[in-house]
Every structure is written in C-alpha cells, then in structure tokens.
Amino acid sequence: MDVRGHTEPAFFLPAPSSRGAIPAEWILARAYLKAGKFRECADLCEQALKRFPNHAGVLETLDKARSSGK
C-alpha cells in the first residue's frame, strides 16, 4: 500500500464541549476518594462544579467525600 501523499488525519478528535464532557477534576477527585484523601477530593469536586454545575457524578462524589471525611 502506498501512503505517500496521504494528507488525511489518522484519527479525528471532536472539539471538546460542555455537553457530554467528563470533567478532568472529577477523574482526579475519584482517585483521591479511593486513596482516602477526602479534603482534596472535595476541593476538586468544587472546582469541577464551577465548570459543570449539576453534574450528577461530581455531586455524588462530593457527597461521598463529605460524608467520609467526618
């Protein structure tokens, strides 16, 4: 197969949008929750809620961090 002159990208990544996006802060917050770092988890969830208000997963993780950190 001759690939010379092939100018199309090998893959296409759609532009990020708020709909359907996963907050990076939430991913890290879940890792902190598993590690038992509840304060750091809550801080990251609060940051994620600034960008994604009412995100169900972030709210659930924040509730778990707050209840476990007592």
C-alpha atoms as a PDB file:
ATOM      1  CA  MET A   1       0.000   0.000   0.000  1.00  0.00           C
ATOM      2  CA  ASP A   2       1.400   3.360  -0.996  1.00  0.00           C
ATOM      3  CA  VAL A   3       0.825   6.055   1.636  1.00  0.00           C
ATOM      4  CA  ARG A   4       2.762   8.887   0.005  1.00  0.00           C
ATOM      5  CA  GLY A   5       0.623  11.958  -0.387  1.00  0.00           C
ATOM      6  CA  HIS A   6      -1.799  10.825   2.267  1.00  0.00           C
ATOM      7  CA  THR A   7      -2.876  14.040   3.980  1.00  0.00           C
ATOM      8  CA  GLU A   8      -5.926  12.961   5.956  1.00  0.00           C
ATOM      9  CA  PRO A   9      -5.500  12.685   9.723  1.00  0.00           C
ATOM     10  CA  ALA A  10      -5.246   9.180  11.113  1.00  0.00           C
ATOM     11  CA  PHE A  11      -7.992   9.913  13.591  1.00  0.00           C
ATOM     12  CA  PHE A  12     -10.437  12.683  14.330  1.00  0.00           C
ATOM     13  CA  LEU A  13     -10.978  14.120  17.776  1.00  0.00           C
ATOM     14  CA  PRO A  14     -14.088  16.264  18.065  1.00  0.00           C
ATOM     15  CA  ALA A  15     -13.786  19.637  19.716  1.00  0.00           C
ATOM     16  CA  PRO A  16     -14.468  19.484  23.440  1.00  0.00           C
ATOM     17  CA  SER A  17     -17.824  20.809  24.520  1.00  0.00           C
ATOM     18  CA  SER A  18     -19.610  21.038  27.807  1.00  0.00           C
ATOM     19  CA  ARG A  19     -22.246  18.533  26.666  1.00  0.00           C
ATOM     20  CA  GLY A  20     -21.057  15.002  27.310  1.00  0.00           C
ATOM     21  CA  ALA A  21     -17.633  16.089  28.523  1.00  0.00           C
ATOM     22  CA  ILE A  22     -16.063  14.456  31.538  1.00  0.00           C
ATOM     23  CA  PRO A  23     -14.502  16.922  33.982  1.00  0.00           C
ATOM     24  CA  ALA A  24     -10.824  16.140  34.497  1.00  0.00           C
ATOM     25  CA  GLU A  25     -11.155  17.352  38.077  1.00  0.00           C
ATOM     26  CA  TRP A  26     -13.761  14.670  38.700  1.00  0.00           C
ATOM     27  CA  ILE A  27     -11.484  11.893  37.483  1.00  0.00           C
ATOM     28  CA  LEU A  28      -8.734  13.053  39.827  1.00  0.00           C
ATOM     29  CA  ALA A  29     -11.243  13.557  42.645  1.00  0.00           C
ATOM     30  CA  ARG A  30     -12.371   9.929  42.373  1.00  0.00           C
ATOM     31  CA  ALA A  31      -8.747   8.822  42.661  1.00  0.00           C
ATOM     32  CA  TYR A  32      -8.351  10.955  45.798  1.00  0.00           C
ATOM     33  CA  LEU A  33     -11.551   9.445  47.203  1.00  0.00           C
ATOM     34  CA  LYS A  34     -10.217   5.915  46.700  1.00  0.00           C
ATOM     35  CA  ALA A  35      -6.944   6.947  48.370  1.00  0.00           C
ATOM     36  CA  GLY A  36      -8.778   8.340  51.395  1.00  0.00           C
ATOM     37  CA  LYS A  37      -7.853  11.980  50.735  1.00  0.00           C
ATOM     38  CA  PHE A  38     -11.313  13.349  51.349  1.00  0.00           C
ATOM     39  CA  ARG A  39     -10.435  17.070  51.666  1.00  0.00           C
ATOM     40  CA  GLU A  40      -8.564  17.084  48.347  1.00  0.00           C
ATOM     41  CA  CYS A  41     -11.424  15.181  46.731  1.00  0.00           C
ATOM     42  CA  ALA A  42     -13.970  17.735  47.936  1.00  0.00           C
ATOM     43  CA  ASP A  43     -11.807  20.627  46.709  1.00  0.00           C
ATOM     44  CA  LEU A  44     -11.546  19.154  43.224  1.00  0.00           C
ATOM     45  CA  CYS A  45     -15.267  18.430  43.095  1.00  0.00           C
ATOM     46  CA  GLU A  46     -15.991  22.047  43.955  1.00  0.00           C
ATOM     47  CA  GLN A  47     -13.692  23.166  41.125  1.00  0.00           C
ATOM     48  CA  ALA A  48     -15.454  20.804  38.714  1.00  0.00           C
ATOM     49  CA  LEU A  49     -18.862  22.138  39.758  1.00  0.00           C
ATOM     50  CA  LYS A  50     -17.783  25.644  38.758  1.00  0.00           C
ATOM     51  CA  ARG A  51     -17.380  24.433  35.165  1.00  0.00           C
ATOM     52  CA  PHE A  52     -20.089  21.758  35.182  1.00  0.00           C
ATOM     53  CA  PRO A  53     -22.862  22.762  37.595  1.00  0.00           C
ATOM     54  CA  ASN A  54     -25.299  19.977  38.473  1.00  0.00           C
ATOM     55  CA  HIS A  55     -23.069  17.189  37.092  1.00  0.00           C
ATOM     56  CA  ALA A  56     -24.545  14.099  38.763  1.00  0.00           C
ATOM     57  CA  GLY A  57     -21.252  12.215  39.130  1.00  0.00           C
ATOM     58  CA  VAL A  58     -19.439  15.178  40.629  1.00  0.00           C
ATOM     59  CA  LEU A  59     -22.258  15.817  43.089  1.00  0.00           C
ATOM     60  CA  GLU A  60     -22.285  12.162  44.149  1.00  0.00           C
ATOM     61  CA  THR A  61     -18.503  12.097  44.633  1.00  0.00           C
ATOM     62  CA  LEU A  62     -18.665  15.331  46.635  1.00  0.00           C
ATOM     63  CA  ASP A  63     -21.340  13.849  48.916  1.00  0.00           C
ATOM     64  CA  LYS A  64     -19.247  10.729  49.480  1.00  0.00           C
ATOM     65  CA  ALA A  65     -16.154  12.801  50.279  1.00  0.00           C
ATOM     66  CA  ARG A  66     -18.041  14.990  52.725  1.00  0.00           C
ATOM     67  CA  SER A  67     -19.700  12.054  54.486  1.00  0.00           C
ATOM     68  CA  SER A  68     -16.473  10.041  54.693  1.00  0.00           C
ATOM     69  CA  GLY A  69     -14.362  12.955  55.864  1.00  0.00           C
ATOM     70  CA  LYS A  70     -16.249  13.421  59.136  1.00  0.00           C
END
